C-alpha cells in the first residue's frame, strides 16, 4: 500500500510521491458527481487483496517493516486507528483499519500494485462542503450580550457641624448631644441644643471634639 507495499516489494519514495500527486490531481479536477461515484465503488475483496499482498497470511511479519495480511506500515496502522502491531490484530480488525485507509487514501494509492492486479478502482471519499448558511454561521461567531453596567449608588457627603463662636461648652471626645444635655440638665434635651445652635449644628450625629456649642 502507499505507505504499504505491493506484492512485488516496497515502492520507492519518488514513486509514492508521484502516485499521491496524480491521485490528488485527478480528484481535484474531477466533477463532484464523478468523485462521489468513484468513492462509492463496489466493496473491496479484502481476502483477495491479502492473498496478493501476503499470500493470505493475516499474521505476516517478515521483518521488512510491513505487517499483517494487508501489509500495513506501523505508521499507517497507527494513523488510521490501529492498536498494537498489525500482525497481531485479527482479520476483522485489519479490515476495519483498511476501510478507513481506503476512505482516506483510496485503494489504488494505498495498495497500488495489487489493486491494479485485481482491477480494484477506488479513490478517497469526497468530502462534502458545508452549506453556505452553515459556513456563514461558522464565520460569524455568536456575539455575547454585553452585561449591563452596574450602577453605583451616589456618594453622599455628610456635612459636619461647625463650632459656634458664641458657644459656652467645648465638645469633648466621646460626647454626644444627648450626653451633653443630660449632664448639663438642658431643658428640652438635645433638641434644644440643636435649636440654639442653628447654622452651626448641621448634623446632630456628627459633632467634633474642640468645637464650641451654646447650651
C-alpha atoms as a PDB file:
ATOM      1  CA  UNK A   1       0.000   0.000   0.000  1.00  0.00           C
ATOM      2  CA  UNK A   2       1.080   3.688  -0.267  1.00  0.00           C
ATOM      3  CA  UNK A   3       2.875   3.630   2.979  1.00  0.00           C
ATOM      4  CA  UNK A   4       2.364  -0.151   2.435  1.00  0.00           C
ATOM      5  CA  UNK A   5       3.872  -2.238  -0.337  1.00  0.00           C
ATOM      6  CA  UNK A   6       2.611  -4.210  -3.321  1.00  0.00           C
ATOM      7  CA  UNK A   7       3.284  -7.867  -3.772  1.00  0.00           C
ATOM      8  CA  UNK A   8       6.477  -7.054  -5.701  1.00  0.00           C
ATOM      9  CA  UNK A   9       8.232  -5.146  -2.944  1.00  0.00           C
ATOM     10  CA  UNK A  10       8.346  -1.714  -1.383  1.00  0.00           C
ATOM     11  CA  UNK A  11       7.867   1.251  -3.722  1.00  0.00           C
ATOM     12  CA  UNK A  12      10.453   3.999  -3.885  1.00  0.00           C
ATOM     13  CA  UNK A  13       9.734   7.323  -2.214  1.00  0.00           C
ATOM     14  CA  UNK A  14       9.612   9.047  -5.601  1.00  0.00           C
ATOM     15  CA  UNK A  15       7.092   6.558  -6.949  1.00  0.00           C
ATOM     16  CA  UNK A  16       4.840   7.004  -3.907  1.00  0.00           C
ATOM     17  CA  UNK A  17       5.027  10.795  -4.251  1.00  0.00           C
ATOM     18  CA  UNK A  18       4.096  10.624  -7.928  1.00  0.00           C
ATOM     19  CA  UNK A  19       1.162   8.375  -7.115  1.00  0.00           C
ATOM     20  CA  UNK A  20      -0.097  10.804  -4.460  1.00  0.00           C
ATOM     21  CA  UNK A  21       0.248  13.830  -6.733  1.00  0.00           C
ATOM     22  CA  UNK A  22      -1.521  12.043  -9.567  1.00  0.00           C
ATOM     23  CA  UNK A  23      -4.355  10.969  -7.276  1.00  0.00           C
ATOM     24  CA  UNK A  24      -4.815  14.476  -5.845  1.00  0.00           C
ATOM     25  CA  UNK A  25      -4.788  15.949  -9.356  1.00  0.00           C
ATOM     26  CA  UNK A  26      -7.447  13.536 -10.562  1.00  0.00           C
ATOM     27  CA  UNK A  27      -9.722  14.200  -7.557  1.00  0.00           C
ATOM     28  CA  UNK A  28      -9.264  17.989  -7.676  1.00  0.00           C
ATOM     29  CA  UNK A  29     -10.009  18.105 -11.415  1.00  0.00           C
ATOM     30  CA  UNK A  30     -12.972  15.749 -11.409  1.00  0.00           C
ATOM     31  CA  UNK A  31     -16.601  16.933 -11.131  1.00  0.00           C
ATOM     32  CA  UNK A  32     -18.252  16.274  -7.779  1.00  0.00           C
ATOM     33  CA  UNK A  33     -20.513  13.592  -9.156  1.00  0.00           C
ATOM     34  CA  UNK A  34     -17.536  11.702 -10.582  1.00  0.00           C
ATOM     35  CA  UNK A  35     -15.599  11.878  -7.329  1.00  0.00           C
ATOM     36  CA  UNK A  36     -18.522  10.628  -5.283  1.00  0.00           C
ATOM     37  CA  UNK A  37     -19.247   7.874  -7.768  1.00  0.00           C
ATOM     38  CA  UNK A  38     -15.648   6.657  -7.607  1.00  0.00           C
ATOM     39  CA  UNK A  39     -15.652   6.690  -3.819  1.00  0.00           C
ATOM     40  CA  UNK A  40     -18.818   4.626  -3.764  1.00  0.00           C
ATOM     41  CA  UNK A  41     -17.311   1.857  -5.918  1.00  0.00           C
ATOM     42  CA  UNK A  42     -18.073  -1.793  -5.166  1.00  0.00           C
ATOM     43  CA  UNK A  43     -16.745  -3.073  -1.805  1.00  0.00           C
ATOM     44  CA  UNK A  44     -13.148  -4.286  -1.839  1.00  0.00           C
ATOM     45  CA  UNK A  45     -12.493  -8.020  -1.639  1.00  0.00           C
ATOM     46  CA  UNK A  46     -10.037  -7.789   1.257  1.00  0.00           C
ATOM     47  CA  UNK A  47      -9.306 -11.506   1.277  1.00  0.00           C
ATOM     48  CA  UNK A  48      -8.222 -11.324  -2.365  1.00  0.00           C
ATOM     49  CA  UNK A  49      -6.093  -8.288  -1.604  1.00  0.00           C
ATOM     50  CA  UNK A  50      -4.499 -10.070   1.367  1.00  0.00           C
ATOM     51  CA  UNK A  51      -3.802 -13.067  -0.868  1.00  0.00           C
ATOM     52  CA  UNK A  52      -1.977 -10.766  -3.274  1.00  0.00           C
ATOM     53  CA  UNK A  53      -0.137  -8.790  -0.593  1.00  0.00           C
ATOM     54  CA  UNK A  54       0.820 -11.516   1.890  1.00  0.00           C
ATOM     55  CA  UNK A  55      -0.279 -14.840   0.385  1.00  0.00           C
ATOM     56  CA  UNK A  56      -3.389 -14.660   2.559  1.00  0.00           C
ATOM     57  CA  UNK A  57      -1.369 -14.644   5.820  1.00  0.00           C
ATOM     58  CA  UNK A  58      -3.128 -12.179   8.124  1.00  0.00           C
ATOM     59  CA  UNK A  59      -0.341 -12.582  10.704  1.00  0.00           C
ATOM     60  CA  UNK A  60       2.509 -11.876   8.287  1.00  0.00           C
ATOM     61  CA  UNK A  61       5.590 -10.327   9.908  1.00  0.00           C
ATOM     62  CA  UNK A  62       8.702 -10.968   7.847  1.00  0.00           C
ATOM     63  CA  UNK A  63      10.786  -8.163   9.338  1.00  0.00           C
ATOM     64  CA  UNK A  64      10.589  -5.896   6.283  1.00  0.00           C
ATOM     65  CA  UNK A  65       8.548  -3.180   8.039  1.00  0.00           C
ATOM     66  CA  UNK A  66       5.175  -4.320   6.644  1.00  0.00           C
ATOM     67  CA  UNK A  67       2.717  -6.252   8.770  1.00  0.00           C
ATOM     68  CA  UNK A  68      -0.441  -8.337   8.537  1.00  0.00           C
ATOM     69  CA  UNK A  69      -2.437  -9.619   5.621  1.00  0.00           C
ATOM     70  CA  UNK A  70      -2.696  -6.171   4.048  1.00  0.00           C
ATOM     71  CA  UNK A  71       0.938  -5.242   4.728  1.00  0.00           C
ATOM     72  CA  UNK A  72       0.423  -2.089   6.793  1.00  0.00           C
ATOM     73  CA  UNK A  73       3.318   0.032   7.928  1.00  0.00           C
ATOM     74  CA  UNK A  74       3.189   0.738  11.641  1.00  0.00           C
ATOM     75  CA  UNK A  75       2.817   4.465  10.901  1.00  0.00           C
ATOM     76  CA  UNK A  76      -0.210   3.994   8.650  1.00  0.00           C
ATOM     77  CA  UNK A  77      -1.762   1.493  11.041  1.00  0.00           C
ATOM     78  CA  UNK A  78      -1.482   3.924  13.967  1.00  0.00           C
ATOM     79  CA  UNK A  79      -2.645   6.917  11.906  1.00  0.00           C
ATOM     80  CA  UNK A  80      -5.907   5.192  10.989  1.00  0.00           C
ATOM     81  CA  UNK A  81      -6.789   3.969  14.472  1.00  0.00           C
ATOM     82  CA  UNK A  82      -4.980   0.634  14.677  1.00  0.00           C
ATOM     83  CA  UNK A  83      -3.764  -0.600  18.072  1.00  0.00           C
ATOM     84  CA  UNK A  84      -0.553  -2.538  18.670  1.00  0.00           C
ATOM     85  CA  UNK A  85       1.159  -4.375  15.813  1.00  0.00           C
ATOM     86  CA  UNK A  86      -0.953  -5.076  12.705  1.00  0.00           C
ATOM     87  CA  UNK A  87       0.365  -8.639  12.503  1.00  0.00           C
ATOM     88  CA  UNK A  88      -1.156  -9.369  15.924  1.00  0.00           C
ATOM     89  CA  UNK A  89      -4.571  -7.965  15.008  1.00  0.00           C
ATOM     90  CA  UNK A  90      -7.440 -10.156  13.834  1.00  0.00           C
ATOM     91  CA  UNK A  91      -8.573 -10.268  10.214  1.00  0.00           C
ATOM     92  CA  UNK A  92     -11.641  -8.215  11.141  1.00  0.00           C
ATOM     93  CA  UNK A  93      -9.553  -5.578  12.918  1.00  0.00           C
ATOM     94  CA  UNK A  94      -7.223  -5.278   9.937  1.00  0.00           C
ATOM     95  CA  UNK A  95     -10.147  -4.923   7.532  1.00  0.00           C
ATOM     96  CA  UNK A  96     -11.704  -2.222   9.755  1.00  0.00           C
ATOM     97  CA  UNK A  97      -8.485  -0.170   9.602  1.00  0.00           C
ATOM     98  CA  UNK A  98      -8.143  -0.903   5.877  1.00  0.00           C
ATOM     99  CA  UNK A  99     -11.639   0.523   5.264  1.00  0.00           C
ATOM    100  CA  UNK A 100     -10.512   3.786   6.889  1.00  0.00           C
ATOM    101  CA  UNK A 101      -7.287   3.797   4.870  1.00  0.00           C
ATOM    102  CA  UNK A 102      -9.281   3.255   1.670  1.00  0.00           C
ATOM    103  CA  UNK A 103     -11.619   6.134   2.565  1.00  0.00           C
ATOM    104  CA  UNK A 104      -8.692   8.424   3.332  1.00  0.00           C
ATOM    105  CA  UNK A 105      -6.182   7.456   0.616  1.00  0.00           C
ATOM    106  CA  UNK A 106      -8.053   5.334  -1.874  1.00  0.00           C
ATOM    107  CA  UNK A 107      -7.309   1.664  -2.513  1.00  0.00           C
ATOM    108  CA  UNK A 108      -5.330   2.498  -5.642  1.00  0.00           C
ATOM    109  CA  UNK A 109      -2.985   4.798  -3.688  1.00  0.00           C
ATOM    110  CA  UNK A 110      -2.646   2.570  -0.639  1.00  0.00           C
ATOM    111  CA  UNK A 111      -2.194  -0.765  -2.437  1.00  0.00           C
ATOM    112  CA  UNK A 112      -1.131   0.293  -5.977  1.00  0.00           C
ATOM    113  CA  UNK A 113       0.347  -2.968  -7.274  1.00  0.00           C
ATOM    114  CA  UNK A 114      -2.269  -5.406  -6.014  1.00  0.00           C
ATOM    115  CA  UNK A 115      -5.228  -3.090  -6.664  1.00  0.00           C
ATOM    116  CA  UNK A 116      -4.169  -2.877 -10.321  1.00  0.00           C
ATOM    117  CA  UNK A 117      -3.701  -6.609 -10.473  1.00  0.00           C
ATOM    118  CA  UNK A 118      -7.167  -7.217  -9.008  1.00  0.00           C
ATOM    119  CA  UNK A 119      -8.792  -4.459 -11.052  1.00  0.00           C
ATOM    120  CA  UNK A 120      -9.875  -2.508  -7.968  1.00  0.00           C
ATOM    121  CA  UNK A 121     -10.687   1.137  -8.655  1.00  0.00           C
ATOM    122  CA  UNK A 122     -11.341   3.205  -5.550  1.00  0.00           C
ATOM    123  CA  UNK A 123     -10.352   6.804  -4.784  1.00  0.00           C
ATOM    124  CA  UNK A 124     -10.540   8.595  -1.425  1.00  0.00           C
ATOM    125  CA  UNK A 125     -14.016   9.516  -0.300  1.00  0.00           C
ATOM    126  CA  UNK A 126     -15.029  13.017  -1.382  1.00  0.00           C
ATOM    127  CA  UNK A 127     -15.671  15.470   1.408  1.00  0.00           C
ATOM    128  CA  UNK A 128     -18.988  17.296   1.215  1.00  0.00           C
ATOM    129  CA  UNK A 129     -18.701  21.065   1.534  1.00  0.00           C
ATOM    130  CA  UNK A 130     -20.947  22.591   4.212  1.00  0.00           C
ATOM    131  CA  UNK A 131     -23.993  24.551   3.061  1.00  0.00           C
ATOM    132  CA  UNK A 132     -23.476  28.333   2.648  1.00  0.00           C
ATOM    133  CA  UNK A 133     -25.725  29.026   5.618  1.00  0.00           C
ATOM    134  CA  UNK A 134     -23.595  26.756   7.815  1.00  0.00           C
ATOM    135  CA  UNK A 135     -20.421  28.416   6.592  1.00  0.00           C
ATOM    136  CA  UNK A 136     -21.878  31.797   7.392  1.00  0.00           C
ATOM    137  CA  UNK A 137     -22.674  30.670  10.899  1.00  0.00           C
ATOM    138  CA  UNK A 138     -19.129  29.447  11.399  1.00  0.00           C
ATOM    139  CA  UNK A 139     -17.686  32.648  10.005  1.00  0.00           C
ATOM    140  CA  UNK A 140     -19.763  34.795  12.354  1.00  0.00           C
ATOM    141  CA  UNK A 141     -19.374  33.528  15.923  1.00  0.00           C
ATOM    142  CA  UNK A 142     -22.250  34.386  18.169  1.00  0.00           C
ATOM    143  CA  UNK A 143     -21.643  37.623  19.996  1.00  0.00           C
ATOM    144  CA  UNK A 144     -22.127  37.516  23.710  1.00  0.00           C
ATOM    145  CA  UNK A 145     -24.580  40.022  25.050  1.00  0.00           C
ATOM    146  CA  UNK A 146     -22.718  42.677  26.969  1.00  0.00           C
ATOM    147  CA  UNK A 147     -23.612  42.777  30.618  1.00  0.00           C
ATOM    148  CA  UNK A 148     -25.474  45.889  31.715  1.00  0.00           C
ATOM    149  CA  UNK A 149     -23.182  48.273  33.597  1.00  0.00           C
ATOM    150  CA  UNK A 150     -23.620  48.159  37.345  1.00  0.00           C
ATOM    151  CA  UNK A 151     -24.924  51.460  38.606  1.00  0.00           C
ATOM    152  CA  UNK A 152     -23.157  52.628  41.695  1.00  0.00           C
ATOM    153  CA  UNK A 153     -25.090  54.397  44.426  1.00  0.00           C
ATOM    154  CA  UNK A 154     -24.284  58.077  44.605  1.00  0.00           C
ATOM    155  CA  UNK A 155     -21.842  59.038  47.330  1.00  0.00           C
ATOM    156  CA  UNK A 156     -23.457  61.341  49.855  1.00  0.00           C
ATOM    157  CA  UNK A 157     -21.067  63.611  51.700  1.00  0.00           C
ATOM    158  CA  UNK A 158     -22.217  64.144  55.275  1.00  0.00           C
ATOM    159  CA  UNK A 159     -21.793  67.736  56.349  1.00  0.00           C
ATOM    160  CA  UNK A 160     -20.337  68.009  59.822  1.00  0.00           C
ATOM    161  CA  UNK A 161     -21.269  70.551  62.469  1.00  0.00           C
ATOM    162  CA  UNK A 162     -19.318  73.767  62.921  1.00  0.00           C
ATOM    163  CA  UNK A 163     -18.002  75.480  66.006  1.00  0.00           C
ATOM    164  CA  UNK A 164     -20.173  78.253  67.477  1.00  0.00           C
ATOM    165  CA  UNK A 165     -18.027  81.282  68.358  1.00  0.00           C
ATOM    166  CA  UNK A 166     -20.637  82.217  70.964  1.00  0.00           C
ATOM    167  CA  UNK A 167     -20.667  78.767  72.497  1.00  0.00           C
ATOM    168  CA  UNK A 168     -20.242  78.191  76.241  1.00  0.00           C
ATOM    169  CA  UNK A 169     -19.463  74.466  76.096  1.00  0.00           C
ATOM    170  CA  UNK A 170     -16.486  72.776  74.402  1.00  0.00           C
ATOM    171  CA  UNK A 171     -17.227  69.358  72.981  1.00  0.00           C
ATOM    172  CA  UNK A 172     -15.050  66.554  74.358  1.00  0.00           C
ATOM    173  CA  UNK A 173     -14.121  63.157  72.876  1.00  0.00           C
ATOM    174  CA  UNK A 174     -16.989  60.702  73.331  1.00  0.00           C
ATOM    175  CA  UNK A 175     -19.595  63.428  73.731  1.00  0.00           C
ATOM    176  CA  UNK A 176     -22.993  63.267  72.132  1.00  0.00           C
ATOM    177  CA  UNK A 177     -25.646  65.960  72.230  1.00  0.00           C
ATOM    178  CA  UNK A 178     -27.791  63.708  74.392  1.00  0.00           C
ATOM    179  CA  UNK A 179     -24.982  63.189  76.909  1.00  0.00           C
ATOM    180  CA  UNK A 180     -24.262  66.907  76.986  1.00  0.00           C
ATOM    181  CA  UNK A 181     -27.948  67.729  77.514  1.00  0.00           C
ATOM    182  CA  UNK A 182     -28.295  65.181  80.326  1.00  0.00           C
ATOM    183  CA  UNK A 183     -25.068  66.158  82.073  1.00  0.00           C
ATOM    184  CA  UNK A 184     -25.917  69.840  81.990  1.00  0.00           C
ATOM    185  CA  UNK A 185     -29.664  69.404  82.655  1.00  0.00           C
ATOM    186  CA  UNK A 186     -30.576  71.267  79.482  1.00  0.00           C
ATOM    187  CA  UNK A 187     -34.322  71.835  79.341  1.00  0.00           C
ATOM    188  CA  UNK A 188     -35.694  70.310  76.164  1.00  0.00           C
ATOM    189  CA  UNK A 189     -32.833  67.848  75.799  1.00  0.00           C
ATOM    190  CA  UNK A 190     -30.561  67.661  72.803  1.00  0.00           C
ATOM    191  CA  UNK A 191     -33.259  69.126  70.557  1.00  0.00           C
ATOM    192  CA  UNK A 192     -32.978  72.370  72.496  1.00  0.00           C
ATOM    193  CA  UNK A 193     -29.213  72.408  71.934  1.00  0.00           C
ATOM    194  CA  UNK A 194     -29.720  71.932  68.197  1.00  0.00           C
ATOM    195  CA  UNK A 195     -32.252  74.775  68.165  1.00  0.00           C
ATOM    196  CA  UNK A 196     -29.843  77.103  69.997  1.00  0.00           C
ATOM    197  CA  UNK A 197     -27.037  76.294  67.543  1.00  0.00           C
ATOM    198  CA  UNK A 198     -28.899  76.697  64.238  1.00  0.00           C
ATOM    199  CA  UNK A 199     -26.414  77.118  61.404  1.00  0.00           C
ATOM    200  CA  UNK A 200     -23.651  75.509  63.468  1.00  0.00           C
ATOM    201  CA  UNK A 201     -25.011  72.087  64.383  1.00  0.00           C
ATOM    202  CA  UNK A 202     -25.951  70.945  60.880  1.00  0.00           C
ATOM    203  CA  UNK A 203     -25.788  67.254  61.717  1.00  0.00           C
ATOM    204  CA  UNK A 204     -26.607  66.266  65.319  1.00  0.00           C
ATOM    205  CA  UNK A 205     -24.907  62.900  64.800  1.00  0.00           C
ATOM    206  CA  UNK A 206     -21.671  64.434  63.553  1.00  0.00           C
ATOM    207  CA  UNK A 207     -20.034  66.762  66.098  1.00  0.00           C
ATOM    208  CA  UNK A 208     -16.311  67.218  66.643  1.00  0.00           C
ATOM    209  CA  UNK A 209     -14.208  67.491  69.810  1.00  0.00           C
ATOM    210  CA  UNK A 210     -12.889  71.046  70.323  1.00  0.00           C
ATOM    211  CA  UNK A 211     -15.896  72.735  68.771  1.00  0.00           C
ATOM    212  CA  UNK A 212     -17.968  75.060  70.960  1.00  0.00           C
ATOM    213  CA  UNK A 213     -21.735  74.968  71.271  1.00  0.00           C
ATOM    214  CA  UNK A 214     -24.275  77.049  73.148  1.00  0.00           C
ATOM    215  CA  UNK A 215     -26.193  75.059  75.789  1.00  0.00           C
END
